[in-house]
Amino acid sequence: MKSSSMRLLCQASLLAMFALTLPASEPTPTDDGLVPIQAKNIDKAYKRPGASLKSYTSILLRPVTVAFNKNWNPRDYGTFGLKSEEVERIRSELSKLAGETFSRVLSKGGYIIAMAPGEDVLDVQAEIVDLVVNGIEPRNANNVHVYVKSAGEMRILVNLRDSVTGTLLYRASDLQRAQEYEQLEWANSVFNRAEAERALQTWARQLKSALDGAKAAP
């Protein structure tokens, strides 16, 4: 009886060791059929099996939505906090800046900015989420200056779809943190805009690089 038990135990141990040496199984698709992939300098990326960006020469840029981090509190800024219209202004200006930056980088890279869906048109829907702005000077605050070492951070979520069928081809998520300065910087609107544009240019160039790479592939 002891011998039989030992034999079964040894067999189980060997099977466990063998299982650890087996190659990893295929990635499990998400609910919408995408699988995780490795993408340079991107936190997370997903692709529909068999999808390609090779045939797309035009880009349909959807309006970029903007949402603050759930822990960001407008009441922490200024003497009485930021008013709702000031928060909305920040969201609206960042959305506009994102659209302008993506449009400029892609058009300079040789891609047509489309106004409507089409056979060679890639539908790009971007969302900025988890936005944190470390320093904001409330409007009409005389002689009030705010200084920070970093402008903050934000994450982008991007869905790439075929513009005609609406089929989701790729999804990406990436966090960008503003540069950390050694000395305090004046967090005025010019500073915050420049820091936001730097992050947006990085994301726009990454999209252009992905499109360029697809076209160069055999």
N, C-alpha and C. Protein backbone atom coordinates (compact mmCIF):
# COMPACT_ATOMS: atom_id res chain seq x y z
N MET A 1 0.83 -1.20 0.00
CA MET A 1 0.00 0.00 0.00
C MET A 1 0.87 1.25 0.00
N LYS A 2 1.94 1.21 0.85
CA LYS A 2 2.85 2.34 0.93
C LYS A 2 3.54 2.56 -0.41
N SER A 3 3.95 1.45 -1.03
CA SER A 3 4.65 1.53 -2.31
C SER A 3 3.76 2.17 -3.37
N SER A 4 2.47 1.77 -3.36
CA SER A 4 1.51 2.33 -4.33
C SER A 4 1.33 3.83 -4.14
N SER A 5 1.23 4.25 -2.89
CA SER A 5 1.04 5.67 -2.58
C SER A 5 2.26 6.47 -3.01
N MET A 6 3.45 5.91 -2.75
CA MET A 6 4.68 6.60 -3.13
C MET A 6 4.78 6.75 -4.64
N ARG A 7 4.36 5.66 -5.35
CA ARG A 7 4.42 5.68 -6.81
C ARG A 7 3.50 6.79 -7.37
N LEU A 8 2.29 6.87 -6.80
CA LEU A 8 1.34 7.90 -7.25
C LEU A 8 1.86 9.30 -6.97
N LEU A 9 2.50 9.46 -5.81
CA LEU A 9 3.06 10.75 -5.44
C LEU A 9 4.17 11.17 -6.40
N CYS A 10 5.03 10.22 -6.75
CA CYS A 10 6.13 10.49 -7.68
C CYS A 10 5.59 10.86 -9.06
N GLN A 11 4.56 10.13 -9.49
CA GLN A 11 3.97 10.41 -10.79
C GLN A 11 3.37 11.82 -10.83
N ALA A 12 2.68 12.18 -9.73
CA ALA A 12 2.07 13.50 -9.65
C ALA A 12 3.14 14.59 -9.68
N SER A 13 4.26 14.35 -9.00
CA SER A 13 5.35 15.34 -8.97
C SER A 13 5.96 15.51 -10.36
N LEU A 14 6.14 14.39 -11.06
CA LEU A 14 6.70 14.46 -12.40
C LEU A 14 5.78 15.21 -13.36
N LEU A 15 4.48 14.95 -13.22
CA LEU A 15 3.52 15.65 -14.08
C LEU A 15 3.54 17.15 -13.81
N ALA A 16 3.65 17.53 -12.54
CA ALA A 16 3.69 18.95 -12.18
C ALA A 16 4.93 19.61 -12.77
N MET A 17 6.09 18.91 -12.68
CA MET A 17 7.33 19.46 -13.22
C MET A 17 7.25 19.60 -14.74
N PHE A 18 6.62 18.59 -15.38
CA PHE A 18 6.49 18.61 -16.83
C PHE A 18 5.60 19.77 -17.26
N ALA A 19 4.53 20.02 -16.50
CA ALA A 19 3.61 21.10 -16.83
C ALA A 19 4.31 22.45 -16.79
N LEU A 20 5.24 22.61 -15.86
CA LEU A 20 5.96 23.88 -15.74
C LEU A 20 6.87 24.14 -16.94
N THR A 21 7.28 23.06 -17.62
CA THR A 21 8.19 23.23 -18.76
C THR A 21 7.46 23.38 -20.09
N LEU A 22 6.13 23.20 -20.07
CA LEU A 22 5.37 23.33 -21.31
C LEU A 22 5.35 24.78 -21.79
N PRO A 23 5.35 25.03 -23.09
CA PRO A 23 5.28 26.40 -23.59
C PRO A 23 3.98 27.07 -23.17
N ALA A 24 4.02 28.39 -23.01
CA ALA A 24 2.82 29.12 -22.59
C ALA A 24 1.73 28.95 -23.63
N SER A 25 0.49 28.86 -23.16
CA SER A 25 -0.63 28.71 -24.07
C SER A 25 -0.91 30.04 -24.76
N GLU A 26 -1.74 29.99 -25.78
CA GLU A 26 -2.10 31.21 -26.50
C GLU A 26 -2.80 32.18 -25.55
N PRO A 27 -2.58 33.50 -25.71
CA PRO A 27 -3.24 34.47 -24.84
C PRO A 27 -4.75 34.32 -24.88
N THR A 28 -5.39 34.48 -23.76
CA THR A 28 -6.84 34.39 -23.70
C THR A 28 -7.45 35.68 -24.23
N PRO A 29 -8.35 35.59 -25.22
CA PRO A 29 -8.96 36.80 -25.77
C PRO A 29 -9.80 37.52 -24.72
N THR A 30 -9.91 38.83 -24.85
CA THR A 30 -10.79 39.61 -23.99
C THR A 30 -12.23 39.37 -24.45
N ASP A 31 -13.17 39.98 -23.76
CA ASP A 31 -14.59 39.78 -24.11
C ASP A 31 -14.90 40.23 -25.54
N ASP A 32 -14.14 41.20 -26.05
CA ASP A 32 -14.41 41.67 -27.41
C ASP A 32 -13.47 41.05 -28.44
N GLY A 33 -12.78 39.96 -28.06
CA GLY A 33 -12.01 39.20 -29.04
C GLY A 33 -10.58 39.63 -29.25
N LEU A 34 -10.09 40.59 -28.49
CA LEU A 34 -8.70 41.05 -28.63
C LEU A 34 -7.78 40.23 -27.73
N VAL A 35 -6.52 40.14 -28.12
CA VAL A 35 -5.53 39.44 -27.30
C VAL A 35 -4.40 40.40 -26.95
N PRO A 36 -3.78 40.24 -25.78
CA PRO A 36 -2.69 41.14 -25.41
C PRO A 36 -1.46 40.94 -26.29
N ILE A 37 -0.80 42.05 -26.61
CA ILE A 37 0.43 42.01 -27.41
C ILE A 37 1.47 42.92 -26.75
N GLN A 38 2.73 42.75 -27.14
CA GLN A 38 3.79 43.62 -26.67
C GLN A 38 3.93 44.79 -27.64
N ALA A 39 3.93 46.01 -27.10
CA ALA A 39 4.12 47.20 -27.93
C ALA A 39 5.15 48.09 -27.26
N LYS A 40 6.13 48.53 -28.02
CA LYS A 40 7.22 49.32 -27.47
C LYS A 40 6.72 50.61 -26.84
N ASN A 41 7.15 50.85 -25.60
CA ASN A 41 6.86 52.08 -24.87
C ASN A 41 5.37 52.29 -24.59
N ILE A 42 4.59 51.22 -24.64
CA ILE A 42 3.16 51.30 -24.31
C ILE A 42 2.88 50.35 -23.15
N ASP A 43 2.14 50.85 -22.15
CA ASP A 43 1.87 50.02 -20.97
C ASP A 43 1.11 48.74 -21.33
N LYS A 44 0.00 48.89 -22.03
CA LYS A 44 -0.82 47.73 -22.40
C LYS A 44 -1.34 47.92 -23.82
N ALA A 45 -1.32 46.83 -24.59
CA ALA A 45 -1.84 46.89 -25.95
C ALA A 45 -2.53 45.57 -26.28
N TYR A 46 -3.57 45.67 -27.10
CA TYR A 46 -4.36 44.49 -27.48
C TYR A 46 -4.64 44.55 -28.98
N LYS A 47 -4.78 43.38 -29.59
CA LYS A 47 -4.98 43.30 -31.03
C LYS A 47 -6.00 42.22 -31.36
N ARG A 48 -6.82 42.48 -32.36
CA ARG A 48 -7.70 41.43 -32.87
C ARG A 48 -6.86 40.50 -33.74
N PRO A 49 -6.88 39.19 -33.49
CA PRO A 49 -6.07 38.27 -34.28
C PRO A 49 -6.31 38.47 -35.79
N GLY A 50 -5.22 38.62 -36.52
CA GLY A 50 -5.31 38.81 -37.97
C GLY A 50 -5.49 40.26 -38.40
N ALA A 51 -5.68 41.17 -37.45
CA ALA A 51 -5.90 42.58 -37.80
C ALA A 51 -4.62 43.22 -38.32
N SER A 52 -4.77 44.20 -39.20
CA SER A 52 -3.62 44.91 -39.75
C SER A 52 -4.02 46.37 -40.01
N LEU A 53 -3.04 47.26 -39.88
CA LEU A 53 -3.26 48.67 -40.17
C LEU A 53 -2.71 49.06 -41.55
N LYS A 54 -2.27 48.08 -42.29
CA LYS A 54 -1.56 48.32 -43.54
C LYS A 54 -2.37 49.10 -44.57
N SER A 55 -3.66 48.86 -44.65
CA SER A 55 -4.47 49.45 -45.73
C SER A 55 -4.97 50.85 -45.42
N TYR A 56 -4.70 51.37 -44.22
CA TYR A 56 -5.27 52.66 -43.83
C TYR A 56 -4.33 53.82 -44.17
N THR A 57 -4.84 54.76 -44.95
CA THR A 57 -4.06 55.93 -45.34
C THR A 57 -4.66 57.23 -44.80
N SER A 58 -5.87 57.14 -44.27
CA SER A 58 -6.55 58.31 -43.73
C SER A 58 -7.00 58.02 -42.30
N ILE A 59 -7.13 59.08 -41.50
CA ILE A 59 -7.48 58.94 -40.10
C ILE A 59 -8.71 59.78 -39.78
N LEU A 60 -9.69 59.14 -39.18
CA LEU A 60 -10.87 59.85 -38.68
C LEU A 60 -10.69 60.01 -37.17
N LEU A 61 -10.39 61.24 -36.75
CA LEU A 61 -10.14 61.51 -35.33
C LEU A 61 -11.44 61.90 -34.64
N ARG A 62 -11.88 61.09 -33.73
CA ARG A 62 -13.07 61.40 -32.95
C ARG A 62 -12.71 62.41 -31.85
N PRO A 63 -13.67 63.20 -31.38
CA PRO A 63 -13.38 64.12 -30.27
C PRO A 63 -12.83 63.37 -29.06
N VAL A 64 -11.79 63.93 -28.46
CA VAL A 64 -11.13 63.29 -27.32
C VAL A 64 -11.87 63.66 -26.04
N THR A 65 -12.28 62.66 -25.28
CA THR A 65 -12.92 62.93 -24.00
C THR A 65 -11.87 63.01 -22.90
N VAL A 66 -12.16 63.76 -21.86
CA VAL A 66 -11.20 64.00 -20.78
C VAL A 66 -11.89 63.80 -19.44
N ALA A 67 -11.25 63.02 -18.55
CA ALA A 67 -11.79 62.79 -17.21
C ALA A 67 -10.67 62.86 -16.19
N PHE A 68 -10.91 63.57 -15.10
CA PHE A 68 -9.92 63.67 -14.04
C PHE A 68 -9.84 62.37 -13.24
N ASN A 69 -8.71 62.19 -12.57
CA ASN A 69 -8.55 61.07 -11.64
C ASN A 69 -9.59 61.19 -10.53
N LYS A 70 -10.11 60.06 -10.08
CA LYS A 70 -11.18 60.08 -9.07
C LYS A 70 -10.73 60.72 -7.76
N ASN A 71 -9.42 60.73 -7.51
CA ASN A 71 -8.90 61.31 -6.27
C ASN A 71 -8.52 62.78 -6.40
N TRP A 72 -8.63 63.32 -7.62
CA TRP A 72 -8.31 64.73 -7.84
C TRP A 72 -9.50 65.57 -7.39
N ASN A 73 -9.25 66.55 -6.53
CA ASN A 73 -10.34 67.32 -5.96
C ASN A 73 -10.18 68.80 -6.30
N PRO A 74 -11.11 69.38 -7.06
CA PRO A 74 -10.98 70.79 -7.44
C PRO A 74 -11.03 71.74 -6.24
N ARG A 75 -11.53 71.29 -5.12
CA ARG A 75 -11.60 72.13 -3.92
C ARG A 75 -10.22 72.35 -3.30
N ASP A 76 -9.21 71.58 -3.77
CA ASP A 76 -7.86 71.73 -3.23
C ASP A 76 -7.09 72.89 -3.85
N TYR A 77 -7.69 73.60 -4.78
CA TYR A 77 -6.97 74.64 -5.52
C TYR A 77 -7.53 76.02 -5.23
N GLY A 78 -6.63 76.94 -4.96
CA GLY A 78 -7.06 78.30 -4.66
C GLY A 78 -7.67 78.42 -3.27
N THR A 79 -8.14 79.59 -2.95
CA THR A 79 -8.71 79.84 -1.62
C THR A 79 -10.03 79.11 -1.43
N PHE A 80 -10.86 79.13 -2.46
CA PHE A 80 -12.18 78.52 -2.35
C PHE A 80 -12.36 77.33 -3.30
N GLY A 81 -11.28 76.91 -3.91
CA GLY A 81 -11.37 75.80 -4.86
C GLY A 81 -11.74 76.28 -6.25
N LEU A 82 -11.66 75.37 -7.22
CA LEU A 82 -12.01 75.71 -8.60
C LEU A 82 -13.51 75.59 -8.81
N LYS A 83 -14.06 76.54 -9.53
CA LYS A 83 -15.47 76.47 -9.86
C LYS A 83 -15.69 75.42 -10.94
N SER A 84 -16.93 74.97 -11.05
CA SER A 84 -17.24 73.92 -12.03
C SER A 84 -16.91 74.36 -13.45
N GLU A 85 -17.11 75.65 -13.75
CA GLU A 85 -16.81 76.12 -15.11
C GLU A 85 -15.32 76.13 -15.38
N GLU A 86 -14.51 76.31 -14.33
CA GLU A 86 -13.06 76.26 -14.51
C GLU A 86 -12.60 74.83 -14.79
N VAL A 87 -13.20 73.87 -14.09
CA VAL A 87 -12.87 72.46 -14.33
C VAL A 87 -13.27 72.07 -15.75
N GLU A 88 -14.44 72.51 -16.18
CA GLU A 88 -14.91 72.20 -17.53
C GLU A 88 -14.00 72.85 -18.57
N ARG A 89 -13.51 74.06 -18.27
CA ARG A 89 -12.61 74.73 -19.20
C ARG A 89 -11.32 73.93 -19.39
N ILE A 90 -10.78 73.39 -18.30
CA ILE A 90 -9.55 72.58 -18.37
C ILE A 90 -9.79 71.35 -19.24
N ARG A 91 -10.91 70.69 -19.01
CA ARG A 91 -11.23 69.48 -19.79
C ARG A 91 -11.39 69.83 -21.27
N SER A 92 -12.10 70.92 -21.54
CA SER A 92 -12.36 71.30 -22.92
C SER A 92 -11.08 71.71 -23.65
N GLU A 93 -10.22 72.47 -22.97
CA GLU A 93 -8.97 72.92 -23.60
C GLU A 93 -8.02 71.76 -23.86
N LEU A 94 -7.98 70.79 -22.92
CA LEU A 94 -7.11 69.63 -23.13
C LEU A 94 -7.63 68.76 -24.27
N SER A 95 -8.95 68.62 -24.36
CA SER A 95 -9.55 67.86 -25.46
C SER A 95 -9.20 68.49 -26.80
N LYS A 96 -9.32 69.81 -26.87
CA LYS A 96 -9.00 70.53 -28.11
C LYS A 96 -7.53 70.39 -28.46
N LEU A 97 -6.66 70.54 -27.45
CA LEU A 97 -5.22 70.42 -27.67
C LEU A 97 -4.86 69.02 -28.15
N ALA A 98 -5.50 68.01 -27.60
CA ALA A 98 -5.24 66.62 -28.02
C ALA A 98 -5.60 66.43 -29.48
N GLY A 99 -6.77 66.90 -29.87
CA GLY A 99 -7.19 66.77 -31.27
C GLY A 99 -6.25 67.48 -32.22
N GLU A 100 -5.85 68.70 -31.84
CA GLU A 100 -4.94 69.48 -32.69
C GLU A 100 -3.57 68.80 -32.80
N THR A 101 -3.08 68.26 -31.69
CA THR A 101 -1.75 67.64 -31.69
C THR A 101 -1.74 66.37 -32.53
N PHE A 102 -2.73 65.51 -32.37
CA PHE A 102 -2.80 64.28 -33.16
C PHE A 102 -2.94 64.63 -34.64
N SER A 103 -3.79 65.60 -34.95
CA SER A 103 -4.01 65.99 -36.34
C SER A 103 -2.72 66.51 -36.97
N ARG A 104 -2.00 67.35 -36.25
CA ARG A 104 -0.76 67.94 -36.78
C ARG A 104 0.31 66.88 -37.02
N VAL A 105 0.53 66.02 -36.03
CA VAL A 105 1.59 65.00 -36.15
C VAL A 105 1.27 64.02 -37.27
N LEU A 106 0.03 63.58 -37.36
CA LEU A 106 -0.34 62.59 -38.38
C LEU A 106 -0.34 63.19 -39.78
N SER A 107 -0.85 64.40 -39.92
CA SER A 107 -0.87 65.02 -41.24
C SER A 107 0.54 65.33 -41.74
N LYS A 108 1.41 65.78 -40.83
CA LYS A 108 2.81 65.99 -41.21
C LYS A 108 3.48 64.68 -41.59
N GLY A 109 3.00 63.58 -41.03
CA GLY A 109 3.55 62.27 -41.34
C GLY A 109 3.00 61.66 -42.61
N GLY A 110 2.14 62.41 -43.33
CA GLY A 110 1.65 61.94 -44.62
C GLY A 110 0.28 61.30 -44.59
N TYR A 111 -0.41 61.39 -43.46
CA TYR A 111 -1.75 60.79 -43.36
C TYR A 111 -2.83 61.85 -43.53
N ILE A 112 -3.85 61.51 -44.25
CA ILE A 112 -4.96 62.42 -44.50
C ILE A 112 -5.91 62.39 -43.29
N ILE A 113 -6.32 63.55 -42.82
CA ILE A 113 -7.30 63.62 -41.74
C ILE A 113 -8.68 63.62 -42.38
N ALA A 114 -9.39 62.53 -42.23
CA ALA A 114 -10.68 62.34 -42.88
C ALA A 114 -11.80 63.00 -42.09
N MET A 115 -12.85 63.36 -42.79
CA MET A 115 -14.03 63.96 -42.16
C MET A 115 -15.18 62.98 -42.04
N ALA A 116 -15.04 61.82 -42.68
CA ALA A 116 -16.11 60.82 -42.67
C ALA A 116 -15.51 59.43 -42.86
N PRO A 117 -16.25 58.38 -42.50
CA PRO A 117 -15.76 57.00 -42.69
C PRO A 117 -15.49 56.71 -44.16
N GLY A 118 -14.61 55.75 -44.41
CA GLY A 118 -14.29 55.34 -45.77
C GLY A 118 -13.50 54.04 -45.75
N GLU A 119 -13.30 53.44 -46.90
CA GLU A 119 -12.67 52.13 -46.98
C GLU A 119 -11.23 52.13 -46.47
N ASP A 120 -10.51 53.23 -46.66
CA ASP A 120 -9.11 53.29 -46.23
C ASP A 120 -8.94 54.17 -44.98
N VAL A 121 -10.04 54.39 -44.26
CA VAL A 121 -10.04 55.31 -43.12
C VAL A 121 -10.05 54.55 -41.80
N LEU A 122 -9.09 54.88 -40.95
CA LEU A 122 -9.01 54.30 -39.62
C LEU A 122 -9.70 55.22 -38.61
N ASP A 123 -10.61 54.69 -37.87
CA ASP A 123 -11.35 55.44 -36.85
C ASP A 123 -10.56 55.41 -35.55
N VAL A 124 -10.17 56.58 -35.06
CA VAL A 124 -9.37 56.69 -33.84
C VAL A 124 -10.18 57.38 -32.75
N GLN A 125 -10.48 56.63 -31.70
CA GLN A 125 -11.20 57.19 -30.55
C GLN A 125 -10.27 57.18 -29.34
N ALA A 126 -9.92 58.37 -28.85
CA ALA A 126 -9.02 58.48 -27.71
C ALA A 126 -9.75 59.07 -26.51
N GLU A 127 -9.41 58.54 -25.35
CA GLU A 127 -9.92 59.08 -24.09
C GLU A 127 -8.74 59.39 -23.18
N ILE A 128 -8.75 60.56 -22.59
CA ILE A 128 -7.77 60.89 -21.56
C ILE A 128 -8.45 60.68 -20.22
N VAL A 129 -7.88 59.84 -19.39
CA VAL A 129 -8.46 59.51 -18.10
C VAL A 129 -7.40 59.68 -17.01
N ASP A 130 -7.85 59.64 -15.77
CA ASP A 130 -6.92 59.73 -14.62
C ASP A 130 -6.06 60.98 -14.68
N LEU A 131 -6.63 62.07 -15.18
CA LEU A 131 -5.89 63.33 -15.28
C LEU A 131 -5.65 63.92 -13.88
N VAL A 132 -4.40 64.26 -13.63
CA VAL A 132 -4.03 64.95 -12.39
C VAL A 132 -3.22 66.18 -12.76
N VAL A 133 -3.69 67.34 -12.36
CA VAL A 133 -2.97 68.59 -12.59
C VAL A 133 -2.51 69.09 -11.22
N ASN A 134 -1.22 69.14 -11.03
CA ASN A 134 -0.70 69.46 -9.70
C ASN A 134 -0.86 70.93 -9.31
N GLY A 135 -0.81 71.81 -10.29
CA GLY A 135 -0.91 73.23 -9.97
C GLY A 135 -1.78 73.98 -10.95
N ILE A 136 -2.79 74.66 -10.44
CA ILE A 136 -3.68 75.46 -11.29
C ILE A 136 -3.90 76.80 -10.62
N GLU A 137 -3.71 77.86 -11.38
CA GLU A 137 -3.99 79.19 -10.85
C GLU A 137 -5.42 79.58 -11.21
N PRO A 138 -6.28 79.71 -10.21
CA PRO A 138 -7.66 80.10 -10.50
C PRO A 138 -7.70 81.45 -11.21
N ARG A 139 -8.60 81.61 -12.13
CA ARG A 139 -8.72 82.88 -12.84
C ARG A 139 -9.19 83.96 -11.88
N ASN A 140 -8.80 85.18 -12.18
CA ASN A 140 -9.17 86.35 -11.37
C ASN A 140 -8.59 86.30 -9.96
N ALA A 141 -7.50 85.51 -9.80
CA ALA A 141 -6.82 85.49 -8.49
C ALA A 141 -5.60 86.39 -8.60
N ASN A 142 -5.70 87.60 -8.09
CA ASN A 142 -4.64 88.59 -8.24
C ASN A 142 -3.42 88.23 -7.39
N ASN A 143 -2.25 88.31 -8.03
CA ASN A 143 -0.98 88.11 -7.33
C ASN A 143 -0.88 86.74 -6.63
N VAL A 144 -1.56 85.75 -7.19
CA VAL A 144 -1.46 84.39 -6.65
C VAL A 144 -0.70 83.52 -7.65
N HIS A 145 0.44 83.00 -7.23
CA HIS A 145 1.23 82.13 -8.10
C HIS A 145 1.37 80.77 -7.44
N VAL A 146 1.27 79.72 -8.26
CA VAL A 146 1.40 78.35 -7.78
C VAL A 146 2.66 77.75 -8.38
N TYR A 147 3.46 77.08 -7.56
CA TYR A 147 4.71 76.48 -8.03
C TYR A 147 4.72 74.98 -7.77
N VAL A 148 5.20 74.22 -8.74
CA VAL A 148 5.23 72.76 -8.62
C VAL A 148 6.55 72.23 -9.20
N LYS A 149 6.86 71.00 -8.88
CA LYS A 149 8.02 70.33 -9.49
C LYS A 149 7.62 69.47 -10.68
N SER A 150 6.33 69.15 -10.77
CA SER A 150 5.83 68.35 -11.89
C SER A 150 4.41 68.79 -12.19
N ALA A 151 4.08 68.86 -13.48
CA ALA A 151 2.75 69.33 -13.87
C ALA A 151 1.67 68.32 -13.52
N GLY A 152 2.01 67.03 -13.48
CA GLY A 152 1.01 66.01 -13.15
C GLY A 152 1.15 64.78 -14.03
N GLU A 153 0.03 64.15 -14.32
CA GLU A 153 0.05 62.93 -15.13
C GLU A 153 -1.32 62.70 -15.75
N MET A 154 -1.36 61.82 -16.76
CA MET A 154 -2.62 61.43 -17.38
C MET A 154 -2.42 60.14 -18.15
N ARG A 155 -3.50 59.43 -18.33
CA ARG A 155 -3.47 58.17 -19.08
C ARG A 155 -4.35 58.32 -20.32
N ILE A 156 -3.90 57.69 -21.41
CA ILE A 156 -4.72 57.69 -22.62
C ILE A 156 -5.20 56.27 -22.90
N LEU A 157 -6.45 56.18 -23.31
CA LEU A 157 -7.03 54.92 -23.80
C LEU A 157 -7.39 55.15 -25.26
N VAL A 158 -6.90 54.29 -26.14
CA VAL A 158 -7.14 54.48 -27.58
C VAL A 158 -7.75 53.22 -28.17
N ASN A 159 -8.83 53.41 -28.90
CA ASN A 159 -9.44 52.32 -29.66
C ASN A 159 -9.30 52.63 -31.15
N LEU A 160 -8.76 51.69 -31.89
CA LEU A 160 -8.62 51.82 -33.34
C LEU A 160 -9.61 50.88 -34.00
N ARG A 161 -10.48 51.44 -34.84
CA ARG A 161 -11.53 50.66 -35.48
C ARG A 161 -11.52 50.88 -37.00
N ASP A 162 -12.03 49.90 -37.71
CA ASP A 162 -12.31 50.11 -39.12
C ASP A 162 -13.49 51.07 -39.18
N SER A 163 -13.34 52.17 -39.91
CA SER A 163 -14.37 53.21 -39.87
C SER A 163 -15.67 52.81 -40.54
N VAL A 164 -15.63 51.84 -41.45
CA VAL A 164 -16.84 51.43 -42.16
C VAL A 164 -17.62 50.39 -41.35
N THR A 165 -16.92 49.35 -40.88
CA THR A 165 -17.60 48.27 -40.17
C THR A 165 -17.71 48.51 -38.66
N GLY A 166 -16.85 49.39 -38.14
CA GLY A 166 -16.83 49.62 -36.70
C GLY A 166 -16.09 48.54 -35.93
N THR A 167 -15.47 47.60 -36.64
CA THR A 167 -14.76 46.51 -35.98
C THR A 167 -13.56 47.03 -35.20
N LEU A 168 -13.48 46.64 -33.93
CA LEU A 168 -12.36 47.06 -33.10
C LEU A 168 -11.13 46.25 -33.48
N LEU A 169 -10.05 46.93 -33.86
CA LEU A 169 -8.83 46.28 -34.32
C LEU A 169 -7.74 46.26 -33.26
N TYR A 170 -7.53 47.39 -32.61
CA TYR A 170 -6.48 47.53 -31.60
C TYR A 170 -7.00 48.36 -30.44
N ARG A 171 -6.42 48.13 -29.28
CA ARG A 171 -6.68 48.96 -28.11
C ARG A 171 -5.37 49.16 -27.38
N ALA A 172 -5.17 50.35 -26.84
CA ALA A 172 -3.94 50.63 -26.08
C ALA A 172 -4.26 51.49 -24.87
N SER A 173 -3.43 51.33 -23.85
CA SER A 173 -3.54 52.13 -22.63
C SER A 173 -2.13 52.51 -22.20
N ASP A 174 -1.92 53.82 -21.94
CA ASP A 174 -0.57 54.24 -21.58
C ASP A 174 -0.62 55.45 -20.65
N LEU A 175 0.23 55.42 -19.63
CA LEU A 175 0.31 56.51 -18.67
C LEU A 175 1.54 57.36 -18.97
N GLN A 176 1.34 58.67 -18.98
CA GLN A 176 2.45 59.61 -19.16
C GLN A 176 2.53 60.52 -17.94
N ARG A 177 3.71 60.58 -17.33
CA ARG A 177 3.95 61.49 -16.22
C ARG A 177 4.79 62.66 -16.71
N ALA A 178 4.44 63.85 -16.25
CA ALA A 178 5.20 65.03 -16.65
C ALA A 178 6.60 64.98 -16.05
N GLN A 179 7.49 65.72 -16.67
CA GLN A 179 8.88 65.77 -16.21
C GLN A 179 8.96 66.27 -14.77
N GLU A 180 9.85 65.65 -14.00
CA GLU A 180 10.10 66.08 -12.62
C GLU A 180 11.28 67.05 -12.65
N TYR A 181 11.02 68.30 -12.26
CA TYR A 181 12.07 69.32 -12.28
C TYR A 181 12.78 69.40 -10.93
N GLU A 182 14.03 69.79 -10.97
CA GLU A 182 14.79 69.91 -9.73
C GLU A 182 14.35 71.11 -8.91
N GLN A 183 13.93 72.15 -9.60
CA GLN A 183 13.47 73.34 -8.88
C GLN A 183 11.99 73.56 -9.17
N LEU A 184 11.35 74.36 -8.35
CA LEU A 184 9.93 74.64 -8.52
C LEU A 184 9.69 75.46 -9.79
N GLU A 185 8.63 75.09 -10.51
CA GLU A 185 8.26 75.79 -11.73
C GLU A 185 6.90 76.47 -11.52
N TRP A 186 6.76 77.61 -12.14
CA TRP A 186 5.50 78.35 -12.05
C TRP A 186 4.43 77.64 -12.86
N ALA A 187 3.41 77.14 -12.19
CA ALA A 187 2.37 76.33 -12.84
C ALA A 187 1.29 77.22 -13.45
N ASN A 188 1.70 78.07 -14.39
CA ASN A 188 0.70 78.90 -15.07
C ASN A 188 0.15 78.13 -16.27
N SER A 189 -0.74 78.75 -17.00
CA SER A 189 -1.40 78.04 -18.11
C SER A 189 -0.42 77.66 -19.22
N VAL A 190 0.60 78.51 -19.43
CA VAL A 190 1.60 78.22 -20.47
C VAL A 190 2.40 76.98 -20.11
N PHE A 191 2.82 76.88 -18.85
CA PHE A 191 3.58 75.72 -18.39
C PHE A 191 2.76 74.44 -18.49
N ASN A 192 1.53 74.48 -17.99
CA ASN A 192 0.69 73.28 -18.01
C ASN A 192 0.37 72.83 -19.43
N ARG A 193 0.14 73.79 -20.32
CA ARG A 193 -0.16 73.44 -21.71
C ARG A 193 1.05 72.79 -22.38
N ALA A 194 2.24 73.35 -22.14
CA ALA A 194 3.45 72.81 -22.75
C ALA A 194 3.71 71.38 -22.28
N GLU A 195 3.49 71.12 -20.99
CA GLU A 195 3.71 69.79 -20.45
C GLU A 195 2.69 68.80 -21.01
N ALA A 196 1.44 69.23 -21.14
CA ALA A 196 0.40 68.35 -21.70
C ALA A 196 0.69 68.05 -23.17
N GLU A 197 1.12 69.07 -23.90
CA GLU A 197 1.41 68.88 -25.33
C GLU A 197 2.57 67.91 -25.54
N ARG A 198 3.54 67.93 -24.63
CA ARG A 198 4.67 67.01 -24.74
C ARG A 198 4.19 65.56 -24.66
N ALA A 199 3.30 65.28 -23.73
CA ALA A 199 2.76 63.92 -23.60
C ALA A 199 1.91 63.55 -24.81
N LEU A 200 1.09 64.49 -25.28
CA LEU A 200 0.22 64.22 -26.43
C LEU A 200 1.03 63.96 -27.69
N GLN A 201 2.13 64.69 -27.87
CA GLN A 201 2.99 64.47 -29.03
C GLN A 201 3.61 63.07 -28.99
N THR A 202 3.97 62.63 -27.80
CA THR A 202 4.52 61.27 -27.65
C THR A 202 3.51 60.24 -28.13
N TRP A 203 2.26 60.38 -27.69
CA TRP A 203 1.23 59.42 -28.09
C TRP A 203 0.93 59.50 -29.58
N ALA A 204 0.89 60.71 -30.12
CA ALA A 204 0.61 60.87 -31.56
C ALA A 204 1.72 60.24 -32.40
N ARG A 205 2.96 60.41 -31.98
CA ARG A 205 4.09 59.82 -32.71
C ARG A 205 4.06 58.30 -32.62
N GLN A 206 3.62 57.77 -31.49
CA GLN A 206 3.53 56.32 -31.35
C GLN A 206 2.49 55.75 -32.31
N LEU A 207 1.36 56.45 -32.46
CA LEU A 207 0.35 56.01 -33.42
C LEU A 207 0.89 56.08 -34.84
N LYS A 208 1.55 57.18 -35.17
CA LYS A 208 2.14 57.30 -36.51
C LYS A 208 3.16 56.20 -36.75
N SER A 209 3.97 55.89 -35.74
CA SER A 209 4.98 54.84 -35.88
C SER A 209 4.32 53.48 -36.13
N ALA A 210 3.20 53.22 -35.45
CA ALA A 210 2.49 51.95 -35.65
C ALA A 210 1.95 51.87 -37.07
N LEU A 211 1.42 52.96 -37.59
CA LEU A 211 0.90 52.98 -38.96
C LEU A 211 2.02 52.82 -39.97
N ASP A 212 3.14 53.53 -39.73
CA ASP A 212 4.30 53.40 -40.63
C ASP A 212 4.82 51.98 -40.65
N GLY A 213 4.89 51.37 -39.45
CA GLY A 213 5.40 50.00 -39.36
C GLY A 213 4.52 49.01 -40.09
N ALA A 214 3.21 49.22 -40.02
CA ALA A 214 2.27 48.32 -40.73
C ALA A 214 2.46 48.42 -42.23
N LYS A 215 2.70 49.63 -42.73
CA LYS A 215 2.87 49.82 -44.18
C LYS A 215 4.19 49.21 -44.66
N ALA A 216 5.21 49.24 -43.79
CA ALA A 216 6.52 48.70 -44.19
C ALA A 216 6.58 47.20 -44.10
N ALA A 217 5.62 46.59 -43.41
CA ALA A 217 5.63 45.13 -43.24
C ALA A 217 5.35 44.46 -44.58
N PRO A 218 5.97 43.27 -44.80
CA PRO A 218 5.74 42.57 -46.09
C PRO A 218 4.31 42.07 -46.21
